[in-house]
Amino acid sequence: MGWWVSVVGGALVLLALWDVFHSLWHPVGHGLVSRSVMAAVWRVTRRSGRRLRRVSGPLAMVAAISSWGVLVLVGGALVYWPHVPGSFRYDSGLDPGQGTGLVEALYLSVVTTATLGFGDVVPAVPWLRLVVPLQALVGFALLTAAVSWVLQVYPALGRRRALSLHLAMLARSGAAARLPELTPGTAAGLLRDVAAALTRVRVDLAQYAESYYFEEASPQASLALTIDHAAELSAVALRSPHVDVRLAGDVLGRTLDDLAELLDEQFLRTGRSRDQVLEAYAAQHSG
């Protein structure tokens, strides 16, 4: 029975590593544990005050990273638990029978994951001499992954904010109404720029799904609240007598379709049209 406990513990550690890989380095970030934890935090903060909603993204990331840590710590403790104290050597000043086996195993797991290496308790059997340093490497990898995750997500958020501010400025200048007044080349170029920026945001959202849970302090910086300006530009362009403007407008419209499909598939699940999906997106990120 003891070995089965150790096997379950090892499975928990592997689950944490699998989730880290799928969240950070998979081409489409789909970590099951992290996504579930972040979605739960998002739902809780949405029911809370506006101040808490503004930090829902960072809170969700902290919760996801903490879930990885808990899996590794608990998993390591379960690996050691059936073998404490018999398979370990203790410092001369320690009494191996003083504490419970589970507490001792959790202590070993925490110290090993944190790479503290006090040396007061060391493994005495060969396989544990291999497992302990491996868990220390997992702890170091977990810290590195957390830092890498933050460094990856915030540039994506910056690109999304930049596009949102650009769309807000276009709306304030009446770009959609004035589009027919522009030369065909200028109008098509403007539409292509917006479509290209939207494509980058779509790729970021697929790769870094956690960015969806970040709220913006300013409505102008929230893509959920400004993306309708891109749809308006596309609609006006499709009525243009110039084929290159219509083509650019069609590309922009299809880019919006693709983004709405991703939003609905991964987050909203409305099964409705593009405009309705974008309305639902705005509703979730307003207020």
C-alpha atoms as a PDB file:
ATOM      1  CA  MET A   1       0.000   0.000   0.000  1.00  0.00           C
ATOM      2  CA  GLY A   2       2.889   2.335   0.803  1.00  0.00           C
ATOM      3  CA  TRP A   3       4.293   2.140  -2.698  1.00  0.00           C
ATOM      4  CA  TRP A   4       0.922   3.059  -4.188  1.00  0.00           C
ATOM      5  CA  VAL A   5       0.963   6.248  -2.120  1.00  0.00           C
ATOM      6  CA  SER A   6       4.389   7.045  -3.554  1.00  0.00           C
ATOM      7  CA  VAL A   7       3.125   6.365  -7.088  1.00  0.00           C
ATOM      8  CA  VAL A   8       0.195   8.756  -6.559  1.00  0.00           C
ATOM      9  CA  GLY A   9       2.622  11.379  -5.297  1.00  0.00           C
ATOM     10  CA  GLY A  10       4.828  10.980  -8.343  1.00  0.00           C
ATOM     11  CA  ALA A  11       1.754  11.311 -10.578  1.00  0.00           C
ATOM     12  CA  LEU A  12       0.887  14.643  -8.927  1.00  0.00           C
ATOM     13  CA  VAL A  13       4.376  15.975  -9.611  1.00  0.00           C
ATOM     14  CA  LEU A  14       4.155  14.821 -13.235  1.00  0.00           C
ATOM     15  CA  LEU A  15       0.739  16.489 -13.536  1.00  0.00           C
ATOM     16  CA  ALA A  16       2.258  19.780 -12.411  1.00  0.00           C
ATOM     17  CA  LEU A  17       5.079  19.467 -14.953  1.00  0.00           C
ATOM     18  CA  TRP A  18       2.637  18.519 -17.722  1.00  0.00           C
ATOM     19  CA  ASP A  19       0.484  21.542 -16.912  1.00  0.00           C
ATOM     20  CA  VAL A  20       3.473  23.896 -16.852  1.00  0.00           C
ATOM     21  CA  PHE A  21       4.545  22.650 -20.274  1.00  0.00           C
ATOM     22  CA  HIS A  22       1.095  23.037 -21.809  1.00  0.00           C
ATOM     23  CA  SER A  23       0.588  26.464 -20.248  1.00  0.00           C
ATOM     24  CA  LEU A  24       3.945  27.997 -21.176  1.00  0.00           C
ATOM     25  CA  TRP A  25       5.571  26.168 -24.058  1.00  0.00           C
ATOM     26  CA  HIS A  26       2.850  24.395 -25.998  1.00  0.00           C
ATOM     27  CA  PRO A  27       2.026  26.252 -29.263  1.00  0.00           C
ATOM     28  CA  VAL A  28      -1.510  26.713 -27.931  1.00  0.00           C
ATOM     29  CA  GLY A  29      -1.438  27.163 -24.166  1.00  0.00           C
ATOM     30  CA  HIS A  30      -4.000  24.712 -22.783  1.00  0.00           C
ATOM     31  CA  GLY A  31      -2.882  23.739 -19.302  1.00  0.00           C
ATOM     32  CA  LEU A  32      -5.867  21.974 -17.740  1.00  0.00           C
ATOM     33  CA  VAL A  33      -5.054  22.785 -14.109  1.00  0.00           C
ATOM     34  CA  SER A  34      -3.967  26.379 -14.657  1.00  0.00           C
ATOM     35  CA  ARG A  35      -6.908  27.169 -16.961  1.00  0.00           C
ATOM     36  CA  SER A  36      -9.400  25.705 -14.480  1.00  0.00           C
ATOM     37  CA  VAL A  37      -7.897  27.605 -11.550  1.00  0.00           C
ATOM     38  CA  MET A  38      -7.740  30.886 -13.475  1.00  0.00           C
ATOM     39  CA  ALA A  39     -11.318  30.548 -14.695  1.00  0.00           C
ATOM     40  CA  ALA A  40     -12.454  29.946 -11.116  1.00  0.00           C
ATOM     41  CA  VAL A  41     -10.610  33.049  -9.876  1.00  0.00           C
ATOM     42  CA  TRP A  42     -12.110  35.051 -12.763  1.00  0.00           C
ATOM     43  CA  ARG A  43     -15.641  33.980 -11.820  1.00  0.00           C
ATOM     44  CA  VAL A  44     -15.074  34.899  -8.176  1.00  0.00           C
ATOM     45  CA  THR A  45     -13.601  38.323  -8.922  1.00  0.00           C
ATOM     46  CA  ARG A  46     -16.386  39.138 -11.384  1.00  0.00           C
ATOM     47  CA  ARG A  47     -18.843  38.889  -8.506  1.00  0.00           C
ATOM     48  CA  SER A  48     -16.673  41.117  -6.344  1.00  0.00           C
ATOM     49  CA  GLY A  49     -16.100  44.847  -6.435  1.00  0.00           C
ATOM     50  CA  ARG A  50     -14.579  46.721  -9.345  1.00  0.00           C
ATOM     51  CA  ARG A  51     -11.278  47.168  -7.531  1.00  0.00           C
ATOM     52  CA  LEU A  52     -10.777  43.426  -7.194  1.00  0.00           C
ATOM     53  CA  ARG A  53     -11.831  42.831 -10.807  1.00  0.00           C
ATOM     54  CA  ARG A  54      -9.006  45.063 -12.015  1.00  0.00           C
ATOM     55  CA  VAL A  55      -6.448  42.691 -10.504  1.00  0.00           C
ATOM     56  CA  SER A  56      -8.256  39.517 -11.583  1.00  0.00           C
ATOM     57  CA  GLY A  57      -5.539  38.665 -14.130  1.00  0.00           C
ATOM     58  CA  PRO A  58      -2.568  38.869 -11.740  1.00  0.00           C
ATOM     59  CA  LEU A  59      -4.572  37.078  -9.036  1.00  0.00           C
ATOM     60  CA  ALA A  60      -5.459  34.314 -11.479  1.00  0.00           C
ATOM     61  CA  MET A  61      -1.807  33.866 -12.465  1.00  0.00           C
ATOM     62  CA  VAL A  62      -0.705  33.761  -8.816  1.00  0.00           C
ATOM     63  CA  ALA A  63      -3.395  31.153  -8.121  1.00  0.00           C
ATOM     64  CA  ALA A  64      -2.274  29.036 -11.094  1.00  0.00           C
ATOM     65  CA  ILE A  65       1.395  29.177 -10.059  1.00  0.00           C
ATOM     66  CA  SER A  66       0.378  28.328  -6.485  1.00  0.00           C
ATOM     67  CA  SER A  67      -1.568  25.306  -7.749  1.00  0.00           C
ATOM     68  CA  TRP A  68       1.585  24.023  -9.453  1.00  0.00           C
ATOM     69  CA  GLY A  69       3.507  24.507  -6.228  1.00  0.00           C
ATOM     70  CA  VAL A  70       0.877  22.671  -4.186  1.00  0.00           C
ATOM     71  CA  LEU A  71       0.901  19.739  -6.603  1.00  0.00           C
ATOM     72  CA  VAL A  72       4.683  19.445  -6.373  1.00  0.00           C
ATOM     73  CA  LEU A  73       4.787  19.824  -2.576  1.00  0.00           C
ATOM     74  CA  VAL A  74       1.945  17.411  -1.874  1.00  0.00           C
ATOM     75  CA  GLY A  75       3.197  14.990  -4.515  1.00  0.00           C
ATOM     76  CA  GLY A  76       6.679  14.979  -3.018  1.00  0.00           C
ATOM     77  CA  ALA A  77       5.279  14.497   0.481  1.00  0.00           C
ATOM     78  CA  LEU A  78       3.277  11.480  -0.681  1.00  0.00           C
ATOM     79  CA  VAL A  79       6.382   9.989  -2.300  1.00  0.00           C
ATOM     80  CA  TYR A  80       8.330  10.258   0.968  1.00  0.00           C
ATOM     81  CA  TRP A  81       5.527   9.491   3.444  1.00  0.00           C
ATOM     82  CA  PRO A  82       5.597   5.656   3.349  1.00  0.00           C
ATOM     83  CA  HIS A  83       9.377   5.684   3.762  1.00  0.00           C
ATOM     84  CA  VAL A  84       9.691   8.044   6.736  1.00  0.00           C
ATOM     85  CA  PRO A  85      11.666   7.638   8.934  1.00  0.00           C
ATOM     86  CA  GLY A  86      13.199   4.295   8.025  1.00  0.00           C
ATOM     87  CA  SER A  87      14.686   5.268   4.663  1.00  0.00           C
ATOM     88  CA  PHE A  88      16.270   8.508   5.890  1.00  0.00           C
ATOM     89  CA  ARG A  89      19.199   9.418   8.118  1.00  0.00           C
ATOM     90  CA  TYR A  90      18.696  12.143  10.700  1.00  0.00           C
ATOM     91  CA  ASP A  91      21.070  14.609  12.276  1.00  0.00           C
ATOM     92  CA  SER A  92      22.323  13.496  15.694  1.00  0.00           C
ATOM     93  CA  GLY A  93      20.272  16.196  17.409  1.00  0.00           C
ATOM     94  CA  LEU A  94      16.957  15.038  15.895  1.00  0.00           C
ATOM     95  CA  ASP A  95      14.542  12.388  17.117  1.00  0.00           C
ATOM     96  CA  PRO A  96      13.075  10.563  14.063  1.00  0.00           C
ATOM     97  CA  GLY A  97      10.020   9.447  16.007  1.00  0.00           C
ATOM     98  CA  GLN A  98       9.157  12.859  17.419  1.00  0.00           C
ATOM     99  CA  GLY A  99       6.756  13.995  14.691  1.00  0.00           C
ATOM    100  CA  THR A 100       4.189  12.267  12.517  1.00  0.00           C
ATOM    101  CA  GLY A 101       5.317  10.684   9.279  1.00  0.00           C
ATOM    102  CA  LEU A 102       3.124  12.913   7.107  1.00  0.00           C
ATOM    103  CA  VAL A 103       4.381  16.138   8.684  1.00  0.00           C
ATOM    104  CA  GLU A 104       7.959  14.938   8.340  1.00  0.00           C
ATOM    105  CA  ALA A 105       7.362  14.017   4.687  1.00  0.00           C
ATOM    106  CA  LEU A 106       5.820  17.431   3.991  1.00  0.00           C
ATOM    107  CA  TYR A 107       8.796  19.119   5.638  1.00  0.00           C
ATOM    108  CA  LEU A 108      11.160  17.144   3.423  1.00  0.00           C
ATOM    109  CA  SER A 109       9.145  18.035   0.344  1.00  0.00           C
ATOM    110  CA  VAL A 110       9.096  21.768   1.132  1.00  0.00           C
ATOM    111  CA  VAL A 111      12.809  21.922   1.935  1.00  0.00           C
ATOM    112  CA  THR A 112      13.705  19.956  -1.183  1.00  0.00           C
ATOM    113  CA  THR A 113      11.451  21.927  -3.553  1.00  0.00           C
ATOM    114  CA  ALA A 114      12.763  25.207  -2.173  1.00  0.00           C
ATOM    115  CA  THR A 115      16.339  23.888  -2.678  1.00  0.00           C
ATOM    116  CA  LEU A 116      17.219  24.917   0.883  1.00  0.00           C
ATOM    117  CA  GLY A 117      19.168  21.726   1.605  1.00  0.00           C
ATOM    118  CA  PHE A 118      19.459  21.980   5.398  1.00  0.00           C
ATOM    119  CA  GLY A 119      21.113  18.558   5.566  1.00  0.00           C
ATOM    120  CA  ASP A 120      19.343  17.609   8.807  1.00  0.00           C
ATOM    121  CA  VAL A 121      17.478  14.790   7.040  1.00  0.00           C
ATOM    122  CA  VAL A 122      19.047  12.948   4.096  1.00  0.00           C
ATOM    123  CA  PRO A 123      17.925   9.882   2.119  1.00  0.00           C
ATOM    124  CA  ALA A 124      19.575   6.606   3.042  1.00  0.00           C
ATOM    125  CA  VAL A 125      18.450   4.390   0.135  1.00  0.00           C
ATOM    126  CA  PRO A 126      19.646   4.699  -3.478  1.00  0.00           C
ATOM    127  CA  TRP A 127      16.328   5.468  -5.190  1.00  0.00           C
ATOM    128  CA  LEU A 128      15.536   8.283  -2.758  1.00  0.00           C
ATOM    129  CA  ARG A 129      19.026   9.706  -3.325  1.00  0.00           C
ATOM    130  CA  LEU A 130      17.927  10.098  -6.948  1.00  0.00           C
ATOM    131  CA  VAL A 131      14.402  11.387  -6.246  1.00  0.00           C
ATOM    132  CA  VAL A 132      15.396  14.145  -3.810  1.00  0.00           C
ATOM    133  CA  PRO A 133      17.717  16.059  -6.191  1.00  0.00           C
ATOM    134  CA  LEU A 134      15.180  15.542  -9.007  1.00  0.00           C
ATOM    135  CA  GLN A 135      12.541  17.250  -6.897  1.00  0.00           C
ATOM    136  CA  ALA A 136      14.968  20.088  -6.220  1.00  0.00           C
ATOM    137  CA  LEU A 137      15.373  20.497  -9.985  1.00  0.00           C
ATOM    138  CA  VAL A 138      11.584  20.551 -10.357  1.00  0.00           C
ATOM    139  CA  GLY A 139      11.395  23.308  -7.745  1.00  0.00           C
ATOM    140  CA  PHE A 140      14.002  25.359  -9.605  1.00  0.00           C
ATOM    141  CA  ALA A 141      12.192  24.739 -12.896  1.00  0.00           C
ATOM    142  CA  LEU A 142       8.918  25.859 -11.328  1.00  0.00           C
ATOM    143  CA  LEU A 143      10.437  29.153 -10.212  1.00  0.00           C
ATOM    144  CA  THR A 144      11.944  29.696 -13.662  1.00  0.00           C
ATOM    145  CA  ALA A 145       8.626  28.860 -15.323  1.00  0.00           C
ATOM    146  CA  ALA A 146       6.742  31.365 -13.169  1.00  0.00           C
ATOM    147  CA  VAL A 147       9.151  34.166 -14.090  1.00  0.00           C
ATOM    148  CA  SER A 148       9.076  33.170 -17.772  1.00  0.00           C
ATOM    149  CA  TRP A 149       5.279  33.145 -17.757  1.00  0.00           C
ATOM    150  CA  VAL A 150       5.091  36.719 -16.493  1.00  0.00           C
ATOM    151  CA  LEU A 151       7.676  37.867 -19.039  1.00  0.00           C
ATOM    152  CA  GLN A 152       5.681  36.222 -21.844  1.00  0.00           C
ATOM    153  CA  VAL A 153       2.219  37.477 -20.890  1.00  0.00           C
ATOM    154  CA  TYR A 154       2.877  41.170 -20.327  1.00  0.00           C
ATOM    155  CA  PRO A 155       4.241  41.909 -23.827  1.00  0.00           C
ATOM    156  CA  ALA A 156       1.087  40.271 -25.224  1.00  0.00           C
ATOM    157  CA  LEU A 157      -1.022  42.511 -23.013  1.00  0.00           C
ATOM    158  CA  GLY A 158       0.946  45.510 -24.280  1.00  0.00           C
ATOM    159  CA  ARG A 159       0.160  44.632 -27.896  1.00  0.00           C
ATOM    160  CA  ARG A 160      -3.528  44.254 -27.071  1.00  0.00           C
ATOM    161  CA  ARG A 161      -3.639  47.605 -25.286  1.00  0.00           C
ATOM    162  CA  ALA A 162      -1.840  49.318 -28.149  1.00  0.00           C
ATOM    163  CA  LEU A 163      -4.407  48.018 -30.649  1.00  0.00           C
ATOM    164  CA  SER A 164      -7.274  49.042 -28.392  1.00  0.00           C
ATOM    165  CA  LEU A 165      -5.926  52.573 -28.010  1.00  0.00           C
ATOM    166  CA  HIS A 166      -5.394  52.766 -31.779  1.00  0.00           C
ATOM    167  CA  LEU A 167      -9.004  51.750 -32.412  1.00  0.00           C
ATOM    168  CA  ALA A 168     -10.207  54.257 -29.822  1.00  0.00           C
ATOM    169  CA  MET A 169      -8.287  57.048 -31.538  1.00  0.00           C
ATOM    170  CA  LEU A 170      -9.682  56.017 -34.927  1.00  0.00           C
ATOM    171  CA  ALA A 171     -13.188  56.127 -33.489  1.00  0.00           C
ATOM    172  CA  ARG A 172     -12.635  59.571 -31.968  1.00  0.00           C
ATOM    173  CA  SER A 173     -11.393  60.887 -35.303  1.00  0.00           C
ATOM    174  CA  GLY A 174     -14.426  59.474 -37.115  1.00  0.00           C
ATOM    175  CA  ALA A 175     -12.297  57.201 -39.296  1.00  0.00           C
ATOM    176  CA  ALA A 176     -15.212  54.985 -40.350  1.00  0.00           C
ATOM    177  CA  ALA A 177     -17.307  57.920 -41.575  1.00  0.00           C
ATOM    178  CA  ARG A 178     -14.339  59.527 -43.320  1.00  0.00           C
ATOM    179  CA  LEU A 179     -13.055  56.320 -44.909  1.00  0.00           C
ATOM    180  CA  PRO A 180     -14.745  57.027 -48.286  1.00  0.00           C
ATOM    181  CA  GLU A 181     -12.950  60.387 -48.409  1.00  0.00           C
ATOM    182  CA  LEU A 182      -9.516  58.757 -48.314  1.00  0.00           C
ATOM    183  CA  THR A 183      -7.622  57.643 -51.365  1.00  0.00           C
ATOM    184  CA  PRO A 184      -8.064  53.895 -52.044  1.00  0.00           C
ATOM    185  CA  GLY A 185      -4.442  53.175 -51.175  1.00  0.00           C
ATOM    186  CA  THR A 186      -4.604  55.060 -47.865  1.00  0.00           C
ATOM    187  CA  ALA A 187      -7.917  53.475 -46.870  1.00  0.00           C
ATOM    188  CA  ALA A 188      -6.736  49.971 -47.753  1.00  0.00           C
ATOM    189  CA  GLY A 189      -3.478  50.519 -45.870  1.00  0.00           C
ATOM    190  CA  LEU A 190      -5.334  51.629 -42.748  1.00  0.00           C
ATOM    191  CA  LEU A 191      -7.570  48.544 -42.883  1.00  0.00           C
ATOM    192  CA  ARG A 192      -4.613  46.214 -43.442  1.00  0.00           C
ATOM    193  CA  ASP A 193      -2.792  47.687 -40.436  1.00  0.00           C
ATOM    194  CA  VAL A 194      -5.790  47.072 -38.176  1.00  0.00           C
ATOM    195  CA  ALA A 195      -6.206  43.521 -39.527  1.00  0.00           C
ATOM    196  CA  ALA A 196      -2.519  42.748 -38.952  1.00  0.00           C
ATOM    197  CA  ALA A 197      -2.674  44.036 -35.371  1.00  0.00           C
ATOM    198  CA  LEU A 198      -5.822  41.990 -34.748  1.00  0.00           C
ATOM    199  CA  THR A 199      -4.081  38.890 -36.087  1.00  0.00           C
ATOM    200  CA  ARG A 200      -1.221  39.380 -33.629  1.00  0.00           C
ATOM    201  CA  VAL A 201      -3.715  39.763 -30.781  1.00  0.00           C
ATOM    202  CA  ARG A 202      -5.520  36.609 -31.907  1.00  0.00           C
ATOM    203  CA  VAL A 203      -2.233  34.665 -31.877  1.00  0.00           C
ATOM    204  CA  ASP A 204      -1.395  36.077 -28.429  1.00  0.00           C
ATOM    205  CA  LEU A 205      -4.788  35.057 -27.092  1.00  0.00           C
ATOM    206  CA  ALA A 206      -4.384  31.514 -28.395  1.00  0.00           C
ATOM    207  CA  GLN A 207      -0.850  31.198 -26.996  1.00  0.00           C
ATOM    208  CA  TYR A 208      -1.479  33.066 -23.741  1.00  0.00           C
ATOM    209  CA  ALA A 209      -5.105  32.328 -22.895  1.00  0.00           C
ATOM    210  CA  GLU A 210      -4.501  33.717 -19.415  1.00  0.00           C
ATOM    211  CA  SER A 211      -4.344  37.213 -20.940  1.00  0.00           C
ATOM    212  CA  TYR A 212      -8.127  37.024 -21.389  1.00  0.00           C
ATOM    213  CA  TYR A 213      -8.583  37.372 -17.624  1.00  0.00           C
ATOM    214  CA  PHE A 214      -6.779  40.723 -17.399  1.00  0.00           C
ATOM    215  CA  GLU A 215      -9.026  43.744 -16.942  1.00  0.00           C
ATOM    216  CA  GLU A 216      -8.016  47.231 -18.078  1.00  0.00           C
ATOM    217  CA  ALA A 217      -8.284  50.324 -15.917  1.00  0.00           C
ATOM    218  CA  SER A 218      -9.215  52.515 -18.895  1.00  0.00           C
ATOM    219  CA  PRO A 219     -12.091  51.694 -21.290  1.00  0.00           C
ATOM    220  CA  GLN A 220      -9.958  52.938 -24.191  1.00  0.00           C
ATOM    221  CA  ALA A 221      -7.312  50.320 -23.378  1.00  0.00           C
ATOM    222  CA  SER A 222      -9.863  47.473 -23.304  1.00  0.00           C
ATOM    223  CA  LEU A 223     -10.082  45.707 -26.651  1.00  0.00           C
ATOM    224  CA  ALA A 224     -13.427  44.224 -25.626  1.00  0.00           C
ATOM    225  CA  LEU A 225     -14.866  47.742 -25.583  1.00  0.00           C
ATOM    226  CA  THR A 226     -13.175  49.122 -28.724  1.00  0.00           C
ATOM    227  CA  ILE A 227     -13.240  46.165 -31.107  1.00  0.00           C
ATOM    228  CA  ASP A 228     -16.628  47.231 -32.461  1.00  0.00           C
ATOM    229  CA  HIS A 229     -14.812  50.122 -34.191  1.00  0.00           C
ATOM    230  CA  ALA A 230     -12.884  47.551 -36.244  1.00  0.00           C
ATOM    231  CA  ALA A 231     -16.176  45.902 -37.236  1.00  0.00           C
ATOM    232  CA  GLU A 232     -17.524  49.310 -38.254  1.00  0.00           C
ATOM    233  CA  LEU A 233     -14.479  49.981 -40.436  1.00  0.00           C
ATOM    234  CA  SER A 234     -14.905  46.629 -42.136  1.00  0.00           C
ATOM    235  CA  ALA A 235     -18.601  47.233 -42.818  1.00  0.00           C
ATOM    236  CA  VAL A 236     -17.926  50.647 -44.389  1.00  0.00           C
ATOM    237  CA  ALA A 237     -15.049  49.290 -46.486  1.00  0.00           C
ATOM    238  CA  LEU A 238     -17.207  46.497 -47.934  1.00  0.00           C
ATOM    239  CA  ARG A 239     -19.483  49.169 -49.457  1.00  0.00           C
ATOM    240  CA  SER A 240     -16.597  50.942 -51.186  1.00  0.00           C
ATOM    241  CA  PRO A 241     -16.567  51.149 -55.005  1.00  0.00           C
ATOM    242  CA  HIS A 242     -12.827  50.417 -54.967  1.00  0.00           C
ATOM    243  CA  VAL A 243     -11.874  46.749 -55.147  1.00  0.00           C
ATOM    244  CA  ASP A 244      -8.696  47.087 -53.076  1.00  0.00           C
ATOM    245  CA  VAL A 245     -10.618  48.793 -50.259  1.00  0.00           C
ATOM    246  CA  ARG A 246     -13.315  46.100 -50.388  1.00  0.00           C
ATOM    247  CA  LEU A 247     -10.617  43.407 -50.283  1.00  0.00           C
ATOM    248  CA  ALA A 248      -8.943  44.983 -47.257  1.00  0.00           C
ATOM    249  CA  GLY A 249     -12.330  45.328 -45.583  1.00  0.00           C
ATOM    250  CA  ASP A 250     -13.108  41.684 -46.277  1.00  0.00           C
ATOM    251  CA  VAL A 251      -9.770  40.599 -44.793  1.00  0.00           C
ATOM    252  CA  LEU A 252     -10.471  42.698 -41.699  1.00  0.00           C
ATOM    253  CA  GLY A 253     -13.943  41.171 -41.383  1.00  0.00           C
ATOM    254  CA  ARG A 254     -12.597  37.641 -41.665  1.00  0.00           C
ATOM    255  CA  THR A 255      -9.939  38.443 -39.080  1.00  0.00           C
ATOM    256  CA  LEU A 256     -12.703  39.561 -36.733  1.00  0.00           C
ATOM    257  CA  ASP A 257     -14.598  36.335 -37.496  1.00  0.00           C
ATOM    258  CA  ASP A 258     -11.524  34.290 -36.571  1.00  0.00           C
ATOM    259  CA  LEU A 259     -10.990  36.194 -33.327  1.00  0.00           C
ATOM    260  CA  ALA A 260     -14.656  35.868 -32.371  1.00  0.00           C
ATOM    261  CA  GLU A 261     -14.535  32.135 -33.081  1.00  0.00           C
ATOM    262  CA  LEU A 262     -11.554  31.744 -30.747  1.00  0.00           C
ATOM    263  CA  LEU A 263     -13.217  33.816 -28.018  1.00  0.00           C
ATOM    264  CA  ASP A 264     -16.399  31.789 -28.246  1.00  0.00           C
ATOM    265  CA  GLU A 265     -14.648  28.420 -28.392  1.00  0.00           C
ATOM    266  CA  GLN A 266     -12.333  28.988 -25.444  1.00  0.00           C
ATOM    267  CA  PHE A 267     -14.157  31.419 -23.154  1.00  0.00           C
ATOM    268  CA  LEU A 268     -17.685  32.524 -23.991  1.00  0.00           C
ATOM    269  CA  ARG A 269     -19.315  29.417 -25.514  1.00  0.00           C
ATOM    270  CA  THR A 270     -22.387  31.228 -26.806  1.00  0.00           C
ATOM    271  CA  GLY A 271     -22.530  29.484 -30.187  1.00  0.00           C
ATOM    272  CA  ARG A 272     -23.828  32.704 -31.727  1.00  0.00           C
ATOM    273  CA  SER A 273     -22.858  35.066 -34.535  1.00  0.00           C
ATOM    274  CA  ARG A 274     -19.730  37.199 -34.591  1.00  0.00           C
ATOM    275  CA  ASP A 275     -21.485  40.385 -33.500  1.00  0.00           C
ATOM    276  CA  GLN A 276     -23.210  38.592 -30.628  1.00  0.00           C
ATOM    277  CA  VAL A 277     -19.936  37.031 -29.498  1.00  0.00           C
ATOM    278  CA  LEU A 278     -18.233  40.430 -29.510  1.00  0.00           C
ATOM    279  CA  GLU A 279     -21.152  41.865 -27.529  1.00  0.00           C
ATOM    280  CA  ALA A 280     -20.750  39.085 -24.965  1.00  0.00           C
ATOM    281  CA  TYR A 281     -17.003  39.782 -24.853  1.00  0.00           C
ATOM    282  CA  ALA A 282     -17.686  43.447 -24.153  1.00  0.00           C
ATOM    283  CA  ALA A 283     -20.270  42.581 -21.503  1.00  0.00           C
ATOM    284  CA  GLN A 284     -17.791  40.406 -19.593  1.00  0.00           C
ATOM    285  CA  HIS A 285     -15.162  43.134 -19.533  1.00  0.00           C
ATOM    286  CA  SER A 286     -17.337  46.165 -18.816  1.00  0.00           C
ATOM    287  CA  GLY A 287     -18.516  47.641 -15.572  1.00  0.00           C
END
